[in-house]
Amino acid sequence: MSLTRLLTMLAIVGVVLGGTHWYLVVRLVRDTQLPEGATRAGKVLIAALAVLVLAGFAAARSSNRAAVVVLTNSSYVWLGLFFFLFVGLLAADLARLLWWVGSRLSGPVVDDPDRRRFFARAVALAAGGTAVAAGVFGATQALGEVAVKVVRVALPRL
């Protein structure tokens, strides 16, 4: 792979990964208006998880596979949870858009910051809880016993 292609790929991955993780920061940290310490911790955590994904991809190409299993598995688990969280927040934003259009058509809207903060926190909690539940269910299904159903099939003339 040439250096130009490598840099192009890294730029695209960086923009997509950075943009989607920034969306998480906006919806989970900024919009919920957490206290200053929690805001800083949330931003650092989400940035560290974005770096974990990049490190996991880089480590997966390493020749010493035994040493990087924890890193790659952690990054893959985060990618799964990230997907569920991202989709949940996008669905909530779609519902929010439809609500906004409906409220604009029905008349003037009163802006209430406490109500906005409550709904932002409720959406963040619901999306996070759903993502964790889906991730735990997926992990138990992936690591559990495989269910095999034996089916007899009659084949004529065989």
N, C-alpha and C. Protein backbone atom coordinates (compact mmCIF):
# COMPACT_ATOMS: atom_id res chain seq x y z
N MET A 1 0.86 -1.17 0.00
CA MET A 1 0.00 0.00 0.00
C MET A 1 0.90 1.23 0.00
N SER A 2 0.61 2.15 -0.90
CA SER A 2 1.43 3.35 -1.00
C SER A 2 1.13 4.30 0.17
N LEU A 3 2.05 5.19 0.41
CA LEU A 3 1.90 6.15 1.51
C LEU A 3 0.69 7.05 1.28
N THR A 4 0.43 7.43 0.04
CA THR A 4 -0.72 8.30 -0.26
C THR A 4 -2.03 7.59 0.08
N ARG A 5 -2.13 6.33 -0.30
CA ARG A 5 -3.36 5.58 0.01
C ARG A 5 -3.52 5.39 1.50
N LEU A 6 -2.43 5.12 2.18
CA LEU A 6 -2.48 4.94 3.63
C LEU A 6 -2.93 6.22 4.32
N LEU A 7 -2.36 7.35 3.92
CA LEU A 7 -2.74 8.62 4.53
C LEU A 7 -4.19 8.99 4.20
N THR A 8 -4.63 8.69 2.99
CA THR A 8 -6.02 8.96 2.61
C THR A 8 -6.98 8.12 3.45
N MET A 9 -6.64 6.83 3.61
CA MET A 9 -7.49 5.96 4.42
C MET A 9 -7.52 6.43 5.87
N LEU A 10 -6.37 6.78 6.41
CA LEU A 10 -6.32 7.26 7.80
C LEU A 10 -7.11 8.56 7.96
N ALA A 11 -7.06 9.43 6.97
CA ALA A 11 -7.82 10.68 7.05
C ALA A 11 -9.32 10.41 7.03
N ILE A 12 -9.75 9.51 6.16
CA ILE A 12 -11.18 9.19 6.08
C ILE A 12 -11.66 8.53 7.37
N VAL A 13 -10.90 7.55 7.85
CA VAL A 13 -11.26 6.88 9.10
C VAL A 13 -11.27 7.87 10.26
N GLY A 14 -10.28 8.75 10.29
CA GLY A 14 -10.21 9.75 11.36
C GLY A 14 -11.39 10.70 11.35
N VAL A 15 -11.79 11.14 10.17
CA VAL A 15 -12.93 12.06 10.07
C VAL A 15 -14.23 11.36 10.48
N VAL A 16 -14.44 10.14 9.98
CA VAL A 16 -15.67 9.42 10.32
C VAL A 16 -15.70 9.07 11.80
N LEU A 17 -14.59 8.52 12.30
CA LEU A 17 -14.53 8.13 13.71
C LEU A 17 -14.62 9.36 14.62
N GLY A 18 -13.89 10.41 14.27
CA GLY A 18 -13.94 11.63 15.07
C GLY A 18 -15.31 12.29 15.04
N GLY A 19 -15.92 12.34 13.86
CA GLY A 19 -17.23 12.96 13.74
C GLY A 19 -18.32 12.22 14.50
N THR A 20 -18.31 10.91 14.42
CA THR A 20 -19.33 10.15 15.12
C THR A 20 -19.13 10.19 16.63
N HIS A 21 -17.88 10.19 17.06
CA HIS A 21 -17.64 10.29 18.50
C HIS A 21 -17.95 11.71 19.01
N TRP A 22 -17.73 12.71 18.17
CA TRP A 22 -18.11 14.07 18.56
C TRP A 22 -19.63 14.17 18.72
N TYR A 23 -20.36 13.48 17.85
CA TYR A 23 -21.82 13.43 17.97
C TYR A 23 -22.22 12.84 19.33
N LEU A 24 -21.51 11.81 19.77
CA LEU A 24 -21.78 11.25 21.09
C LEU A 24 -21.50 12.27 22.18
N VAL A 25 -20.41 13.01 22.05
CA VAL A 25 -20.09 14.04 23.05
C VAL A 25 -21.21 15.07 23.10
N VAL A 26 -21.68 15.49 21.95
CA VAL A 26 -22.74 16.51 21.91
C VAL A 26 -24.02 16.00 22.57
N ARG A 27 -24.44 14.79 22.22
CA ARG A 27 -25.71 14.27 22.73
C ARG A 27 -25.62 13.77 24.17
N LEU A 28 -24.50 13.17 24.55
CA LEU A 28 -24.42 12.56 25.88
C LEU A 28 -23.80 13.47 26.93
N VAL A 29 -22.98 14.43 26.52
CA VAL A 29 -22.27 15.26 27.49
C VAL A 29 -22.75 16.71 27.44
N ARG A 30 -22.67 17.33 26.27
CA ARG A 30 -23.01 18.74 26.19
C ARG A 30 -24.49 19.01 26.41
N ASP A 31 -25.36 18.26 25.71
CA ASP A 31 -26.80 18.51 25.80
C ASP A 31 -27.37 18.18 27.17
N THR A 32 -26.76 17.25 27.89
CA THR A 32 -27.28 16.87 29.21
C THR A 32 -26.88 17.86 30.29
N GLN A 33 -25.97 18.76 29.99
CA GLN A 33 -25.54 19.83 30.91
C GLN A 33 -25.14 19.28 32.28
N LEU A 34 -24.22 18.33 32.24
CA LEU A 34 -23.72 17.74 33.48
C LEU A 34 -22.80 18.72 34.19
N PRO A 35 -22.49 18.49 35.47
CA PRO A 35 -21.53 19.35 36.16
C PRO A 35 -20.17 19.32 35.48
N GLU A 36 -19.35 20.32 35.75
CA GLU A 36 -18.07 20.51 35.05
C GLU A 36 -17.18 19.27 35.10
N GLY A 37 -17.04 18.66 36.25
CA GLY A 37 -16.18 17.48 36.38
C GLY A 37 -16.69 16.31 35.55
N ALA A 38 -17.99 16.10 35.57
CA ALA A 38 -18.58 15.01 34.79
C ALA A 38 -18.48 15.30 33.29
N THR A 39 -18.61 16.56 32.92
CA THR A 39 -18.47 16.93 31.51
C THR A 39 -17.07 16.63 31.02
N ARG A 40 -16.08 17.03 31.78
CA ARG A 40 -14.69 16.77 31.40
C ARG A 40 -14.42 15.27 31.33
N ALA A 41 -14.91 14.52 32.32
CA ALA A 41 -14.70 13.07 32.34
C ALA A 41 -15.39 12.40 31.14
N GLY A 42 -16.58 12.85 30.80
CA GLY A 42 -17.29 12.28 29.65
C GLY A 42 -16.56 12.53 28.34
N LYS A 43 -16.05 13.75 28.17
CA LYS A 43 -15.30 14.07 26.95
C LYS A 43 -14.02 13.25 26.85
N VAL A 44 -13.31 13.13 27.97
CA VAL A 44 -12.06 12.35 27.97
C VAL A 44 -12.36 10.88 27.70
N LEU A 45 -13.41 10.35 28.31
CA LEU A 45 -13.76 8.95 28.11
C LEU A 45 -14.11 8.67 26.65
N ILE A 46 -14.92 9.50 26.04
CA ILE A 46 -15.32 9.27 24.65
C ILE A 46 -14.12 9.43 23.72
N ALA A 47 -13.25 10.39 23.99
CA ALA A 47 -12.03 10.54 23.18
C ALA A 47 -11.13 9.32 23.34
N ALA A 48 -11.01 8.81 24.56
CA ALA A 48 -10.18 7.62 24.79
C ALA A 48 -10.76 6.41 24.08
N LEU A 49 -12.07 6.30 24.03
CA LEU A 49 -12.69 5.17 23.33
C LEU A 49 -12.48 5.28 21.82
N ALA A 50 -12.46 6.49 21.29
CA ALA A 50 -12.17 6.67 19.86
C ALA A 50 -10.73 6.25 19.56
N VAL A 51 -9.80 6.63 20.44
CA VAL A 51 -8.40 6.22 20.28
C VAL A 51 -8.27 4.71 20.43
N LEU A 52 -9.06 4.11 21.32
CA LEU A 52 -9.04 2.66 21.51
C LEU A 52 -9.40 1.94 20.21
N VAL A 53 -10.36 2.47 19.47
CA VAL A 53 -10.74 1.85 18.20
C VAL A 53 -9.57 1.89 17.23
N LEU A 54 -8.93 3.04 17.11
CA LEU A 54 -7.77 3.15 16.22
C LEU A 54 -6.65 2.22 16.66
N ALA A 55 -6.39 2.17 17.95
CA ALA A 55 -5.34 1.29 18.47
C ALA A 55 -5.69 -0.17 18.24
N GLY A 56 -6.94 -0.51 18.38
CA GLY A 56 -7.37 -1.89 18.14
C GLY A 56 -7.20 -2.29 16.69
N PHE A 57 -7.53 -1.39 15.76
CA PHE A 57 -7.33 -1.69 14.34
C PHE A 57 -5.84 -1.84 14.03
N ALA A 58 -5.03 -0.96 14.59
CA ALA A 58 -3.58 -1.05 14.35
C ALA A 58 -3.01 -2.32 14.97
N ALA A 59 -3.46 -2.67 16.15
CA ALA A 59 -2.94 -3.85 16.83
C ALA A 59 -3.38 -5.14 16.14
N ALA A 60 -4.53 -5.12 15.50
CA ALA A 60 -5.02 -6.32 14.82
C ALA A 60 -4.10 -6.73 13.68
N ARG A 61 -3.36 -5.79 13.15
CA ARG A 61 -2.43 -6.09 12.06
C ARG A 61 -1.06 -6.50 12.58
N SER A 62 -0.90 -6.53 13.88
CA SER A 62 0.38 -6.89 14.49
C SER A 62 0.64 -8.38 14.32
N SER A 63 1.92 -8.72 14.28
CA SER A 63 2.27 -10.14 14.14
C SER A 63 2.19 -10.88 15.47
N ASN A 64 2.28 -10.16 16.59
CA ASN A 64 2.23 -10.76 17.92
C ASN A 64 0.78 -10.76 18.40
N ARG A 65 -0.02 -11.65 17.91
CA ARG A 65 -1.45 -11.66 18.18
C ARG A 65 -1.79 -11.93 19.64
N ALA A 66 -1.02 -12.75 20.31
CA ALA A 66 -1.34 -13.09 21.70
C ALA A 66 -1.26 -11.88 22.62
N ALA A 67 -0.40 -10.94 22.30
CA ALA A 67 -0.21 -9.78 23.17
C ALA A 67 -1.29 -8.72 22.99
N VAL A 68 -2.01 -8.77 21.89
CA VAL A 68 -2.96 -7.69 21.60
C VAL A 68 -4.42 -8.14 21.66
N VAL A 69 -4.68 -9.34 22.13
CA VAL A 69 -6.06 -9.85 22.16
C VAL A 69 -6.95 -8.97 23.03
N VAL A 70 -6.47 -8.55 24.17
CA VAL A 70 -7.28 -7.72 25.07
C VAL A 70 -7.59 -6.38 24.41
N LEU A 71 -6.60 -5.79 23.76
CA LEU A 71 -6.81 -4.50 23.11
C LEU A 71 -7.80 -4.61 21.96
N THR A 72 -7.63 -5.60 21.11
CA THR A 72 -8.54 -5.73 19.97
C THR A 72 -9.95 -6.11 20.41
N ASN A 73 -10.06 -7.02 21.36
CA ASN A 73 -11.40 -7.40 21.83
C ASN A 73 -12.10 -6.22 22.49
N SER A 74 -11.37 -5.43 23.25
CA SER A 74 -11.97 -4.25 23.88
C SER A 74 -12.46 -3.26 22.83
N SER A 75 -11.67 -3.07 21.79
CA SER A 75 -12.10 -2.12 20.76
C SER A 75 -13.30 -2.65 19.99
N TYR A 76 -13.38 -3.96 19.77
CA TYR A 76 -14.53 -4.52 19.07
C TYR A 76 -15.80 -4.45 19.92
N VAL A 77 -15.66 -4.67 21.21
CA VAL A 77 -16.82 -4.54 22.11
C VAL A 77 -17.31 -3.09 22.10
N TRP A 78 -16.38 -2.14 22.17
CA TRP A 78 -16.78 -0.74 22.13
C TRP A 78 -17.45 -0.41 20.80
N LEU A 79 -16.94 -0.93 19.68
CA LEU A 79 -17.56 -0.66 18.39
C LEU A 79 -19.01 -1.17 18.36
N GLY A 80 -19.25 -2.33 18.94
CA GLY A 80 -20.62 -2.85 19.00
C GLY A 80 -21.52 -1.97 19.84
N LEU A 81 -21.06 -1.61 21.03
CA LEU A 81 -21.85 -0.73 21.89
C LEU A 81 -22.03 0.65 21.25
N PHE A 82 -20.97 1.13 20.61
CA PHE A 82 -21.02 2.42 19.93
C PHE A 82 -22.09 2.41 18.85
N PHE A 83 -22.17 1.33 18.08
CA PHE A 83 -23.16 1.24 17.02
C PHE A 83 -24.58 1.33 17.59
N PHE A 84 -24.86 0.55 18.63
CA PHE A 84 -26.19 0.59 19.23
C PHE A 84 -26.50 1.97 19.81
N LEU A 85 -25.52 2.58 20.45
CA LEU A 85 -25.71 3.90 21.03
C LEU A 85 -25.94 4.95 19.95
N PHE A 86 -25.16 4.89 18.90
CA PHE A 86 -25.27 5.84 17.79
C PHE A 86 -26.63 5.73 17.11
N VAL A 87 -27.07 4.51 16.84
CA VAL A 87 -28.37 4.31 16.19
C VAL A 87 -29.50 4.78 17.11
N GLY A 88 -29.40 4.49 18.40
CA GLY A 88 -30.42 4.95 19.34
C GLY A 88 -30.51 6.47 19.40
N LEU A 89 -29.37 7.13 19.41
CA LEU A 89 -29.38 8.59 19.45
C LEU A 89 -29.89 9.18 18.13
N LEU A 90 -29.55 8.55 17.01
CA LEU A 90 -30.08 9.02 15.72
C LEU A 90 -31.60 8.86 15.66
N ALA A 91 -32.11 7.75 16.17
CA ALA A 91 -33.56 7.56 16.20
C ALA A 91 -34.23 8.61 17.08
N ALA A 92 -33.61 8.92 18.20
CA ALA A 92 -34.15 9.96 19.08
C ALA A 92 -34.12 11.33 18.40
N ASP A 93 -33.05 11.60 17.64
CA ASP A 93 -32.99 12.87 16.92
C ASP A 93 -34.04 12.95 15.82
N LEU A 94 -34.33 11.84 15.18
CA LEU A 94 -35.39 11.83 14.18
C LEU A 94 -36.74 12.11 14.83
N ALA A 95 -37.00 11.49 15.97
CA ALA A 95 -38.24 11.76 16.71
C ALA A 95 -38.29 13.22 17.15
N ARG A 96 -37.15 13.75 17.57
CA ARG A 96 -37.08 15.15 17.99
C ARG A 96 -37.38 16.09 16.83
N LEU A 97 -36.88 15.75 15.65
CA LEU A 97 -37.15 16.56 14.46
C LEU A 97 -38.63 16.56 14.13
N LEU A 98 -39.24 15.38 14.17
CA LEU A 98 -40.68 15.30 13.89
C LEU A 98 -41.49 16.07 14.93
N TRP A 99 -41.09 15.98 16.19
CA TRP A 99 -41.76 16.74 17.26
C TRP A 99 -41.61 18.24 17.02
N TRP A 100 -40.43 18.67 16.61
CA TRP A 100 -40.17 20.09 16.36
C TRP A 100 -41.04 20.59 15.22
N VAL A 101 -41.13 19.83 14.13
CA VAL A 101 -41.96 20.23 13.00
C VAL A 101 -43.42 20.32 13.42
N GLY A 102 -43.89 19.33 14.17
CA GLY A 102 -45.28 19.35 14.63
C GLY A 102 -45.57 20.52 15.56
N SER A 103 -44.63 20.83 16.43
CA SER A 103 -44.86 21.94 17.36
C SER A 103 -44.81 23.29 16.65
N ARG A 104 -44.00 23.41 15.62
CA ARG A 104 -43.95 24.67 14.86
C ARG A 104 -45.24 24.88 14.08
N LEU A 105 -45.82 23.79 13.61
CA LEU A 105 -47.07 23.91 12.86
C LEU A 105 -48.26 24.21 13.76
N SER A 106 -48.16 23.83 15.03
CA SER A 106 -49.30 24.01 15.94
C SER A 106 -49.34 25.38 16.60
N GLY A 107 -48.28 26.16 16.50
CA GLY A 107 -48.31 27.49 17.08
C GLY A 107 -47.00 27.84 17.77
N PRO A 108 -47.01 28.93 18.54
CA PRO A 108 -45.78 29.36 19.20
C PRO A 108 -45.33 28.36 20.28
N VAL A 109 -44.01 28.28 20.43
CA VAL A 109 -43.42 27.32 21.36
C VAL A 109 -42.73 28.08 22.49
N VAL A 110 -42.97 27.65 23.72
CA VAL A 110 -42.30 28.24 24.88
C VAL A 110 -41.00 27.49 25.11
N ASP A 111 -39.89 28.23 25.18
CA ASP A 111 -38.58 27.62 25.39
C ASP A 111 -38.34 27.45 26.89
N ASP A 112 -38.22 26.21 27.34
CA ASP A 112 -37.99 25.91 28.75
C ASP A 112 -36.68 25.12 28.88
N PRO A 113 -35.61 25.75 29.38
CA PRO A 113 -34.32 25.06 29.49
C PRO A 113 -34.35 23.84 30.40
N ASP A 114 -35.13 23.89 31.48
CA ASP A 114 -35.21 22.72 32.37
C ASP A 114 -35.86 21.53 31.67
N ARG A 115 -36.88 21.80 30.90
CA ARG A 115 -37.55 20.74 30.14
C ARG A 115 -36.60 20.16 29.09
N ARG A 116 -35.86 21.02 28.42
CA ARG A 116 -34.90 20.58 27.41
C ARG A 116 -33.82 19.70 28.04
N ARG A 117 -33.31 20.12 29.19
CA ARG A 117 -32.27 19.34 29.89
C ARG A 117 -32.84 17.99 30.34
N PHE A 118 -34.07 17.98 30.85
CA PHE A 118 -34.69 16.72 31.28
C PHE A 118 -34.80 15.74 30.11
N PHE A 119 -35.29 16.22 28.97
CA PHE A 119 -35.45 15.33 27.82
C PHE A 119 -34.09 14.88 27.28
N ALA A 120 -33.09 15.76 27.30
CA ALA A 120 -31.75 15.36 26.85
C ALA A 120 -31.19 14.26 27.73
N ARG A 121 -31.38 14.39 29.03
CA ARG A 121 -30.89 13.36 29.95
C ARG A 121 -31.69 12.07 29.81
N ALA A 122 -32.99 12.18 29.61
CA ALA A 122 -33.82 10.98 29.44
C ALA A 122 -33.44 10.23 28.17
N VAL A 123 -33.21 10.97 27.09
CA VAL A 123 -32.81 10.34 25.83
C VAL A 123 -31.44 9.69 25.97
N ALA A 124 -30.50 10.38 26.62
CA ALA A 124 -29.16 9.81 26.82
C ALA A 124 -29.23 8.54 27.66
N LEU A 125 -30.03 8.57 28.70
CA LEU A 125 -30.17 7.39 29.57
C LEU A 125 -30.85 6.24 28.82
N ALA A 126 -31.89 6.54 28.07
CA ALA A 126 -32.59 5.49 27.31
C ALA A 126 -31.69 4.89 26.23
N ALA A 127 -30.98 5.74 25.51
CA ALA A 127 -30.09 5.22 24.46
C ALA A 127 -28.95 4.42 25.06
N GLY A 128 -28.38 4.91 26.15
CA GLY A 128 -27.30 4.18 26.81
C GLY A 128 -27.77 2.86 27.38
N GLY A 129 -28.92 2.86 28.04
CA GLY A 129 -29.45 1.62 28.60
C GLY A 129 -29.80 0.61 27.53
N THR A 130 -30.37 1.08 26.43
CA THR A 130 -30.70 0.18 25.34
C THR A 130 -29.44 -0.40 24.70
N ALA A 131 -28.42 0.44 24.52
CA ALA A 131 -27.17 -0.03 23.94
C ALA A 131 -26.50 -1.08 24.82
N VAL A 132 -26.48 -0.84 26.12
CA VAL A 132 -25.88 -1.81 27.04
C VAL A 132 -26.68 -3.11 27.05
N ALA A 133 -28.00 -3.01 27.08
CA ALA A 133 -28.84 -4.21 27.07
C ALA A 133 -28.63 -5.02 25.79
N ALA A 134 -28.59 -4.33 24.65
CA ALA A 134 -28.37 -5.03 23.39
C ALA A 134 -26.97 -5.64 23.34
N GLY A 135 -25.98 -4.93 23.86
CA GLY A 135 -24.62 -5.46 23.90
C GLY A 135 -24.49 -6.68 24.79
N VAL A 136 -25.10 -6.63 25.95
CA VAL A 136 -25.05 -7.78 26.87
C VAL A 136 -25.78 -8.97 26.25
N PHE A 137 -26.94 -8.72 25.65
CA PHE A 137 -27.66 -9.81 25.00
C PHE A 137 -26.83 -10.42 23.88
N GLY A 138 -26.21 -9.57 23.06
CA GLY A 138 -25.37 -10.06 21.96
C GLY A 138 -24.18 -10.86 22.47
N ALA A 139 -23.56 -10.39 23.54
CA ALA A 139 -22.40 -11.10 24.10
C ALA A 139 -22.82 -12.46 24.66
N THR A 140 -23.95 -12.51 25.34
CA THR A 140 -24.39 -13.80 25.89
C THR A 140 -24.76 -14.77 24.77
N GLN A 141 -25.33 -14.26 23.69
CA GLN A 141 -25.66 -15.13 22.56
C GLN A 141 -24.40 -15.60 21.83
N ALA A 142 -23.42 -14.71 21.70
CA ALA A 142 -22.19 -15.07 21.00
C ALA A 142 -21.33 -16.03 21.81
N LEU A 143 -21.30 -15.87 23.12
CA LEU A 143 -20.44 -16.70 23.96
C LEU A 143 -21.16 -17.91 24.52
N GLY A 144 -22.46 -17.98 24.34
CA GLY A 144 -23.23 -19.09 24.90
C GLY A 144 -23.18 -20.33 24.01
N GLU A 145 -23.97 -21.30 24.41
CA GLU A 145 -24.03 -22.55 23.67
C GLU A 145 -24.80 -22.36 22.37
N VAL A 146 -24.32 -22.99 21.33
CA VAL A 146 -24.97 -22.89 20.02
C VAL A 146 -26.15 -23.86 19.98
N ALA A 147 -27.30 -23.35 19.60
CA ALA A 147 -28.50 -24.18 19.51
C ALA A 147 -28.58 -24.77 18.10
N VAL A 148 -28.62 -26.08 18.04
CA VAL A 148 -28.72 -26.77 16.75
C VAL A 148 -30.01 -27.56 16.75
N LYS A 149 -30.84 -27.31 15.77
CA LYS A 149 -32.09 -28.03 15.63
C LYS A 149 -31.93 -29.04 14.50
N VAL A 150 -32.09 -30.31 14.82
CA VAL A 150 -31.96 -31.36 13.82
C VAL A 150 -33.27 -31.48 13.07
N VAL A 151 -33.19 -31.40 11.76
CA VAL A 151 -34.38 -31.46 10.91
C VAL A 151 -34.17 -32.57 9.88
N ARG A 152 -35.12 -33.47 9.79
CA ARG A 152 -35.07 -34.53 8.78
C ARG A 152 -35.71 -34.01 7.51
N VAL A 153 -35.00 -34.17 6.43
CA VAL A 153 -35.49 -33.71 5.14
C VAL A 153 -35.58 -34.92 4.21
N ALA A 154 -36.74 -35.15 3.67
CA ALA A 154 -36.93 -36.26 2.73
C ALA A 154 -36.63 -35.77 1.33
N LEU A 155 -35.71 -36.44 0.66
CA LEU A 155 -35.36 -36.08 -0.70
C LEU A 155 -35.82 -37.20 -1.63
N PRO A 156 -36.78 -36.93 -2.48
CA PRO A 156 -37.29 -37.98 -3.36
C PRO A 156 -36.20 -38.45 -4.33
N ARG A 157 -36.20 -39.75 -4.60
CA ARG A 157 -35.28 -40.39 -5.55
C ARG A 157 -33.83 -40.25 -5.14
N LEU A 158 -33.59 -40.22 -3.85
CA LEU A 158 -32.20 -40.17 -3.39
C LEU A 158 -31.94 -41.27 -2.41
